């Protein structure tokens, strides 16, 4: 494989989309900075209550249990980094040291996982917590954790397959899920910071292998591809968390959109932009995308339209589309911004945003985790909150340019 070098500064520096003046005017007419301020104020109210309720609990919030109580998890859960990441984003907006102290507290609870090689999700876990902390504080201790974590993650790479192994359970030989695209930013950033070119090689190889094998002609993707670790041959393509193997699981499509947008920003490789645009077009033009822009949990779910939505998928999509608009041609950029703005207005409405004091302190309602297994259906999910706040932050940054 040819070694390539990233050409921009990227991860853990919040990327800023560039809006044309007319688009900024329209955005301001639709809410502008006051929309962002109001939503961060709401988030602060909710998370103030959650922090009070969690006092004395060493865990990190993930969702609600069947009694409506906040479910917390340990550092090794794949969702552990999103709550500290949200705290950092609230601190960035408010500059209130109360949020900085809370973010530091919850971030440092994750330090032990920097050497934990039992997961492919270290990019989520460390990038959203230590990564946001590094971006806002430049604390060298955070940098060290991130680089160590990136090298740990790279230990799951198989050169024959050209990818990072995802799961260590099940009957698969070497499963790779599309979600894993979200962990590559940690590797490209750590390669720049440390000079370790192997980390960049792993990120590029994984993105190339996924691009080659996960996607269908219409731009949608399978959830999982299983490989022979000895030869790299594809053994099976399937969709585990979606409705069926050939279906378009909504959050999986959003992971792919976000992942390839980020990889284009990191490397300026045109094939990554082409892939991101194809995924985006599949999503924003999909005939079964609801009018409010919040997708059904799977675009091909049996029983449509009377099936659960996934607010987390909408939040991930909106954040990615805001960034991708800055790389797209004018017509696409306008469509992507319009779609993301519609999604954010929907998510911020009473239909999806919880009333203050409700929803266990989480911001968004009506997310779907693992529908086939009956887990986390029509509940808040901590990563939905994180990407909602990130999308708000990206929007606000663009308005200030």
Protein backbone atom coordinates (compact mmCIF):
# COMPACT_ATOMS: atom_id res chain seq x y z
CA UNK A 1 0.00 0.00 0.00
CA UNK A 2 1.27 3.46 -0.87
CA UNK A 3 1.96 5.66 2.17
CA UNK A 4 0.10 8.93 2.08
CA UNK A 5 0.43 11.98 4.27
CA UNK A 6 -2.38 14.05 5.75
CA UNK A 7 -2.51 17.59 4.45
CA UNK A 8 -4.52 19.37 7.12
CA UNK A 9 -4.56 19.64 10.86
CA UNK A 10 -7.84 17.91 11.62
CA UNK A 11 -8.70 15.72 14.63
CA UNK A 12 -9.28 17.07 17.99
CA UNK A 13 -9.41 20.49 16.37
CA UNK A 14 -13.09 21.06 15.84
CA UNK A 15 -13.56 21.38 12.10
CA UNK A 16 -15.46 24.43 10.96
CA UNK A 17 -17.75 24.48 7.95
CA UNK A 18 -17.72 27.53 5.74
CA UNK A 19 -21.14 28.93 4.87
CA UNK A 20 -21.77 31.32 2.02
CA UNK A 21 -23.11 34.72 3.18
CA UNK A 22 -26.62 33.98 1.87
CA UNK A 23 -26.63 30.68 3.73
CA UNK A 24 -25.54 32.44 6.93
CA UNK A 25 -28.39 34.91 6.52
CA UNK A 26 -30.90 32.12 6.07
CA UNK A 27 -29.46 30.27 9.05
CA UNK A 28 -29.74 33.39 11.20
CA UNK A 29 -33.35 33.81 10.10
CA UNK A 30 -33.96 30.22 11.26
CA UNK A 31 -32.57 30.77 14.73
CA UNK A 32 -28.89 31.65 14.39
CA UNK A 33 -26.84 32.10 17.53
CA UNK A 34 -29.95 32.34 19.74
CA UNK A 35 -30.93 28.85 18.63
CA UNK A 36 -27.49 27.59 19.68
CA UNK A 37 -27.54 29.51 22.95
CA UNK A 38 -30.98 28.25 23.90
CA UNK A 39 -30.03 24.65 23.22
CA UNK A 40 -26.81 24.86 25.21
CA UNK A 41 -28.75 26.47 28.05
CA UNK A 42 -31.18 23.57 27.95
CA UNK A 43 -28.29 21.08 27.87
CA UNK A 44 -26.69 22.75 30.88
CA UNK A 45 -29.97 22.55 32.81
CA UNK A 46 -30.36 18.88 32.02
CA UNK A 47 -26.78 17.92 32.75
CA UNK A 48 -26.74 19.91 35.99
CA UNK A 49 -29.53 17.67 37.19
CA UNK A 50 -27.81 14.54 35.91
CA UNK A 51 -24.54 15.41 37.63
CA UNK A 52 -26.39 15.91 40.91
CA UNK A 53 -28.17 12.57 40.54
CA UNK A 54 -24.89 10.79 39.71
CA UNK A 55 -23.01 12.12 42.72
CA UNK A 56 -21.15 9.23 44.32
CA UNK A 57 -21.57 6.95 41.28
CA UNK A 58 -18.16 6.14 39.72
CA UNK A 59 -19.76 5.21 36.40
CA UNK A 60 -20.63 7.19 33.29
CA UNK A 61 -24.19 7.63 31.98
CA UNK A 62 -25.29 5.69 28.92
CA UNK A 63 -29.11 5.53 28.85
CA UNK A 64 -32.11 4.82 31.09
CA UNK A 65 -32.86 1.42 32.59
CA UNK A 66 -36.31 -0.22 32.60
CA UNK A 67 -37.21 1.74 35.75
CA UNK A 68 -36.43 5.07 34.13
CA UNK A 69 -33.25 5.52 36.14
CA UNK A 70 -29.95 6.61 34.58
CA UNK A 71 -27.92 3.56 33.59
CA UNK A 72 -24.19 4.01 34.15
CA UNK A 73 -21.32 2.02 32.72
CA UNK A 74 -17.63 1.53 33.41
CA UNK A 75 -14.70 2.92 31.43
CA UNK A 76 -14.54 -0.09 29.10
CA UNK A 77 -18.05 0.38 27.72
CA UNK A 78 -17.90 1.75 24.17
CA UNK A 79 -20.09 4.72 25.14
CA UNK A 80 -17.94 5.85 28.08
CA UNK A 81 -16.36 8.85 26.34
CA UNK A 82 -19.50 10.63 25.20
CA UNK A 83 -20.61 12.12 28.52
CA UNK A 84 -17.25 13.74 29.30
CA UNK A 85 -17.16 14.91 25.68
CA UNK A 86 -20.54 16.58 26.12
CA UNK A 87 -19.32 18.26 29.30
CA UNK A 88 -16.33 19.66 27.39
CA UNK A 89 -18.64 21.01 24.68
CA UNK A 90 -20.86 22.71 27.25
CA UNK A 91 -17.75 24.20 28.86
CA UNK A 92 -16.55 25.47 25.49
CA UNK A 93 -19.83 27.27 24.92
CA UNK A 94 -20.33 28.65 28.41
CA UNK A 95 -16.71 29.09 29.59
CA UNK A 96 -18.05 28.29 33.04
CA UNK A 97 -15.35 26.49 35.06
CA UNK A 98 -18.03 24.38 36.72
CA UNK A 99 -18.32 22.47 33.47
CA UNK A 100 -14.55 22.29 33.04
CA UNK A 101 -14.17 20.70 36.48
CA UNK A 102 -16.91 18.18 35.70
CA UNK A 103 -15.34 17.40 32.31
CA UNK A 104 -11.92 16.83 33.89
CA UNK A 105 -13.45 14.55 36.53
CA UNK A 106 -15.29 12.34 34.06
CA UNK A 107 -12.46 12.37 31.52
CA UNK A 108 -9.85 11.14 33.98
CA UNK A 109 -12.11 8.21 34.86
CA UNK A 110 -11.16 6.79 31.46
CA UNK A 111 -7.38 6.93 31.69
CA UNK A 112 -7.03 3.20 32.34
CA UNK A 113 -8.39 2.29 28.91
CA UNK A 114 -5.42 3.82 27.08
CA UNK A 115 -3.78 0.37 27.23
CA UNK A 116 -6.95 -1.70 26.92
CA UNK A 117 -6.66 -3.67 23.70
CA UNK A 118 -9.99 -5.47 24.01
CA UNK A 119 -11.99 -2.97 21.99
CA UNK A 120 -11.91 -1.21 18.62
CA UNK A 121 -13.78 1.77 20.07
CA UNK A 122 -10.90 3.68 21.64
CA UNK A 123 -11.43 6.46 19.11
CA UNK A 124 -14.92 7.01 20.49
CA UNK A 125 -13.89 6.50 24.09
CA UNK A 126 -10.73 8.58 24.18
CA UNK A 127 -11.26 10.92 21.24
CA UNK A 128 -14.53 12.33 22.57
CA UNK A 129 -13.22 12.72 26.13
CA UNK A 130 -9.46 13.24 26.16
CA UNK A 131 -9.59 14.55 22.60
CA UNK A 132 -12.01 17.33 23.41
CA UNK A 133 -10.05 18.02 26.59
CA UNK A 134 -6.80 18.28 24.63
CA UNK A 135 -8.39 20.58 22.08
CA UNK A 136 -9.61 22.96 24.78
CA UNK A 137 -6.75 22.80 27.31
CA UNK A 138 -3.63 21.49 25.54
CA UNK A 139 -2.86 19.53 28.68
CA UNK A 140 0.19 17.37 27.75
CA UNK A 141 -1.08 14.55 29.92
CA UNK A 142 -4.14 14.32 27.66
CA UNK A 143 -1.91 14.17 24.60
CA UNK A 144 0.05 11.27 26.09
CA UNK A 145 -3.11 9.30 26.84
CA UNK A 146 -4.36 9.83 23.29
CA UNK A 147 -1.13 8.70 21.65
CA UNK A 148 -0.88 5.65 23.89
CA UNK A 149 -4.52 4.82 23.13
CA UNK A 150 -3.92 5.15 19.38
CA UNK A 151 -1.03 2.70 19.55
CA UNK A 152 -3.19 0.32 21.56
CA UNK A 153 -5.94 0.56 18.95
CA UNK A 154 -3.46 -0.08 16.14
CA UNK A 155 -2.59 -3.36 17.84
CA UNK A 156 -5.91 -4.75 16.56
CA UNK A 157 -4.84 -4.21 12.93
CA UNK A 158 -4.32 -7.19 10.61
CA UNK A 159 -2.09 -6.49 7.63
CA UNK A 160 -3.56 -9.35 5.54
CA UNK A 161 -7.08 -8.01 5.99
CA UNK A 162 -6.00 -4.38 5.91
CA UNK A 163 -8.34 -3.47 8.75
CA UNK A 164 -8.78 -3.18 12.50
CA UNK A 165 -10.71 -6.04 14.07
CA UNK A 166 -14.00 -4.90 15.56
CA UNK A 167 -15.61 -7.50 17.82
CA UNK A 168 -13.97 -10.25 19.85
CA UNK A 169 -17.21 -12.20 20.37
CA UNK A 170 -19.45 -14.29 18.13
CA UNK A 171 -18.60 -16.89 15.50
CA UNK A 172 -16.98 -14.50 13.04
CA UNK A 173 -13.33 -14.96 12.06
CA UNK A 174 -12.37 -11.28 11.74
CA UNK A 175 -15.43 -8.99 11.89
CA UNK A 176 -15.19 -5.37 10.80
CA UNK A 177 -18.20 -3.08 11.36
CA UNK A 178 -18.83 0.21 9.61
CA UNK A 179 -18.90 1.94 13.01
CA UNK A 180 -15.15 1.39 13.16
CA UNK A 181 -14.65 4.24 10.68
CA UNK A 182 -15.30 6.55 13.64
CA UNK A 183 -12.10 5.45 15.36
CA UNK A 184 -9.68 6.40 12.58
CA UNK A 185 -9.43 10.10 13.44
CA UNK A 186 -7.58 9.19 16.63
CA UNK A 187 -4.98 7.39 14.53
CA UNK A 188 -4.41 10.18 12.00
CA UNK A 189 -4.11 12.77 14.76
CA UNK A 190 -1.73 10.62 16.81
CA UNK A 191 0.39 9.98 13.72
CA UNK A 192 0.85 13.73 13.20
CA UNK A 193 1.51 14.41 16.86
CA UNK A 194 3.95 11.56 17.41
CA UNK A 195 5.48 11.12 13.96
CA UNK A 196 4.46 7.44 14.05
CA UNK A 197 3.70 6.71 10.39
CA UNK A 198 2.39 3.23 11.18
CA UNK A 199 -0.69 4.80 12.78
CA UNK A 200 -1.45 6.66 9.56
CA UNK A 201 -0.90 3.47 7.57
CA UNK A 202 -3.44 1.62 9.73
CA UNK A 203 -6.04 4.38 9.34
CA UNK A 204 -5.65 4.57 5.56
CA UNK A 205 -5.65 0.81 5.09
CA UNK A 206 -8.78 0.41 7.20
CA UNK A 207 -10.62 3.17 5.35
CA UNK A 208 -9.61 1.70 1.98
CA UNK A 209 -10.64 -1.84 2.93
CA UNK A 210 -13.99 -0.66 4.26
CA UNK A 211 -14.59 1.47 1.17
CA UNK A 212 -13.90 -1.54 -1.03
CA UNK A 213 -16.06 -4.11 0.74
CA UNK A 214 -18.80 -2.52 2.85
CA UNK A 215 -20.74 -0.47 0.31
CA UNK A 216 -23.48 -1.26 -2.16
CA UNK A 217 -23.97 0.47 -5.55
CA UNK A 218 -26.68 2.76 -4.13
CA UNK A 219 -24.29 4.17 -1.50
CA UNK A 220 -25.70 2.26 1.47
CA UNK A 221 -23.55 -0.10 3.51
CA UNK A 222 -23.63 -3.43 5.21
CA UNK A 223 -23.07 -3.25 8.94
CA UNK A 224 -20.45 -6.02 9.17
CA UNK A 225 -18.00 -7.72 6.85
CA UNK A 226 -16.25 -10.84 8.10
CA UNK A 227 -12.78 -11.66 6.76
CA UNK A 228 -10.42 -14.61 6.77
CA UNK A 229 -7.57 -13.29 8.95
CA UNK A 230 -5.06 -15.55 7.21
CA UNK A 231 -5.81 -14.46 3.64
CA UNK A 232 -7.91 -11.29 3.87
CA UNK A 233 -10.70 -12.88 1.83
CA UNK A 234 -14.26 -11.72 2.47
CA UNK A 235 -16.27 -14.48 4.15
CA UNK A 236 -19.63 -12.83 4.81
CA UNK A 237 -21.47 -9.52 4.58
CA UNK A 238 -24.36 -8.86 6.94
CA UNK A 239 -26.25 -6.33 9.02
CA UNK A 240 -26.38 -7.22 12.70
CA UNK A 241 -28.10 -4.21 14.26
CA UNK A 242 -30.35 -3.48 11.30
CA UNK A 243 -33.52 -5.09 10.00
CA UNK A 244 -31.88 -7.49 7.51
CA UNK A 245 -28.58 -8.11 5.78
CA UNK A 246 -29.47 -6.00 2.69
CA UNK A 247 -31.20 -3.25 4.68
CA UNK A 248 -29.93 0.26 5.43
CA UNK A 249 -29.57 0.50 9.21
CA UNK A 250 -29.85 4.23 9.86
CA UNK A 251 -27.10 4.73 12.41
CA UNK A 252 -24.71 2.58 10.40
CA UNK A 253 -25.19 4.84 7.39
CA UNK A 254 -24.54 7.85 9.62
CA UNK A 255 -21.32 6.33 10.97
CA UNK A 256 -20.08 5.82 7.42
CA UNK A 257 -21.01 9.37 6.40
CA UNK A 258 -19.23 10.89 9.37
CA UNK A 259 -16.22 8.60 9.11
CA UNK A 260 -15.44 9.27 5.46
CA UNK A 261 -16.06 12.99 5.83
CA UNK A 262 -13.51 13.05 8.66
CA UNK A 263 -11.03 10.97 6.68
CA UNK A 264 -11.26 13.36 3.74
CA UNK A 265 -10.62 16.28 6.08
CA UNK A 266 -7.64 14.44 7.54
CA UNK A 267 -6.04 13.32 4.26
CA UNK A 268 -7.65 15.18 1.33
CA UNK A 269 -7.85 11.83 -0.47
CA UNK A 270 -10.50 12.32 -3.20
CA UNK A 271 -11.91 8.79 -2.92
CA UNK A 272 -12.92 9.48 0.68
CA UNK A 273 -14.80 12.60 -0.37
CA UNK A 274 -16.46 10.69 -3.19
CA UNK A 275 -17.59 8.01 -0.73
CA UNK A 276 -18.89 10.59 1.77
CA UNK A 277 -20.86 12.36 -0.95
CA UNK A 278 -22.39 9.12 -2.16
CA UNK A 279 -23.51 8.19 1.36
CA UNK A 280 -24.88 11.69 1.92
CA UNK A 281 -26.85 11.62 -1.32
CA UNK A 282 -28.29 8.23 -0.41
CA UNK A 283 -29.48 9.61 2.92
CA UNK A 284 -30.72 13.11 2.12
CA UNK A 285 -32.56 11.98 -1.02
CA UNK A 286 -33.95 8.75 0.42
CA UNK A 287 -37.68 8.39 -0.33
CA UNK A 288 -38.25 6.96 3.13
CA UNK A 289 -36.53 9.74 5.04
CA UNK A 290 -39.29 11.28 7.20
CA UNK A 291 -40.20 14.90 6.55
CA UNK A 292 -38.65 16.02 9.85
CA UNK A 293 -35.26 14.49 8.93
CA UNK A 294 -35.15 12.08 11.86
CA UNK A 295 -34.78 8.63 10.28
CA UNK A 296 -36.53 5.44 11.13
CA UNK A 297 -34.18 3.07 12.93
CA UNK A 298 -33.74 1.25 9.60
CA UNK A 299 -34.77 2.62 6.20
CA UNK A 300 -36.07 -0.86 5.27
CA UNK A 301 -37.63 -1.83 8.60
CA UNK A 302 -40.77 -3.98 8.38
CA UNK A 303 -43.88 -2.04 9.33
CA UNK A 304 -42.83 1.38 8.09
CA UNK A 305 -43.84 4.05 8.95
CA UNK A 306 -45.02 2.69 12.29
CA UNK A 307 -41.57 1.88 13.63
CA UNK A 308 -39.21 3.61 16.08
CA UNK A 309 -37.12 6.57 14.98
CA UNK A 310 -33.46 7.07 15.85
CA UNK A 311 -32.69 10.59 17.07
CA UNK A 312 -29.05 9.60 17.57
CA UNK A 313 -28.69 8.79 13.86
CA UNK A 314 -30.15 12.22 13.01
CA UNK A 315 -27.68 13.98 15.31
CA UNK A 316 -24.70 12.12 13.82
CA UNK A 317 -25.95 12.86 10.30
CA UNK A 318 -26.45 16.57 11.02
CA UNK A 319 -22.97 16.98 12.46
CA UNK A 320 -21.42 15.20 9.49
CA UNK A 321 -23.49 17.09 6.91
CA UNK A 322 -22.52 20.45 8.37
CA UNK A 323 -18.87 19.53 7.84
CA UNK A 324 -19.32 17.83 4.48
CA UNK A 325 -21.09 20.92 3.11
CA UNK A 326 -17.76 22.72 3.36
CA UNK A 327 -16.19 20.23 0.95
CA UNK A 328 -19.08 19.81 -1.51
CA UNK A 329 -20.07 21.67 -4.68
CA UNK A 330 -22.53 24.54 -4.27
CA UNK A 331 -25.72 22.61 -5.03
CA UNK A 332 -24.88 19.73 -2.76
CA UNK A 333 -23.65 22.06 -0.03
CA UNK A 334 -26.96 23.90 0.00
CA UNK A 335 -28.89 20.63 0.18
CA UNK A 336 -26.72 19.27 2.98
CA UNK A 337 -26.99 22.45 5.04
CA UNK A 338 -30.75 22.58 4.56
CA UNK A 339 -31.07 18.93 5.61
CA UNK A 340 -28.86 19.36 8.67
CA UNK A 341 -30.71 22.52 9.70
CA UNK A 342 -34.05 20.72 9.39
CA UNK A 343 -32.73 17.85 11.50
CA UNK A 344 -31.47 20.21 14.18
CA UNK A 345 -34.76 22.11 14.32
CA UNK A 346 -36.58 18.81 14.70
CA UNK A 347 -34.23 17.51 17.39
CA UNK A 348 -34.55 20.79 19.30
CA UNK A 349 -38.36 20.65 19.20
CA UNK A 350 -40.53 19.15 21.95
CA UNK A 351 -40.97 16.10 19.74
CA UNK A 352 -37.38 14.98 20.44
CA UNK A 353 -35.84 17.30 23.03
CA UNK A 354 -36.83 16.42 26.57
CA UNK A 355 -38.40 18.94 28.91
CA UNK A 356 -36.08 20.25 31.61
CA UNK A 357 -36.06 17.80 34.50
CA UNK A 358 -37.34 14.89 32.40
CA UNK A 359 -35.64 12.04 30.54
CA UNK A 360 -33.18 11.34 33.36
CA UNK A 361 -31.32 14.53 32.46
CA UNK A 362 -30.51 13.41 28.90
CA UNK A 363 -31.15 15.95 26.16
CA UNK A 364 -32.69 13.90 23.35
CA UNK A 365 -35.49 11.36 23.44
CA UNK A 366 -36.50 8.64 20.97
CA UNK A 367 -33.23 6.98 20.03
CA UNK A 368 -32.82 3.33 19.07
CA UNK A 369 -29.84 1.23 20.13
CA UNK A 370 -30.04 -2.45 19.13
CA UNK A 371 -33.53 -3.06 17.80
CA UNK A 372 -33.12 -6.73 16.76
CA UNK A 373 -32.11 -7.60 20.31
CA UNK A 374 -34.78 -5.40 21.86
CA UNK A 375 -32.24 -3.20 23.64
CA UNK A 376 -32.38 0.57 24.13
CA UNK A 377 -35.47 1.19 22.01
CA UNK A 378 -37.19 4.59 22.22
CA UNK A 379 -34.80 5.75 24.92
CA UNK A 380 -32.17 8.48 25.29
CA UNK A 381 -28.66 7.48 24.28
CA UNK A 382 -25.63 9.42 25.46
CA UNK A 383 -24.03 9.51 22.03
CA UNK A 384 -27.13 11.15 20.59
CA UNK A 385 -26.62 14.01 23.05
CA UNK A 386 -22.93 14.27 22.19
CA UNK A 387 -23.41 14.57 18.44
CA UNK A 388 -26.32 16.98 18.92
CA UNK A 389 -24.03 19.28 20.92
CA UNK A 390 -21.21 18.83 18.42
CA UNK A 391 -23.54 19.80 15.58
CA UNK A 392 -24.58 22.90 17.53
CA UNK A 393 -20.91 23.76 18.09
CA UNK A 394 -20.09 23.39 14.41
CA UNK A 395 -23.03 25.56 13.47
CA UNK A 396 -22.04 28.23 15.94
CA UNK A 397 -18.42 28.23 14.75
CA UNK A 398 -19.55 28.76 11.18
CA UNK A 399 -21.76 31.68 12.19
CA UNK A 400 -18.76 33.43 13.73
CA UNK A 401 -16.57 33.25 10.65
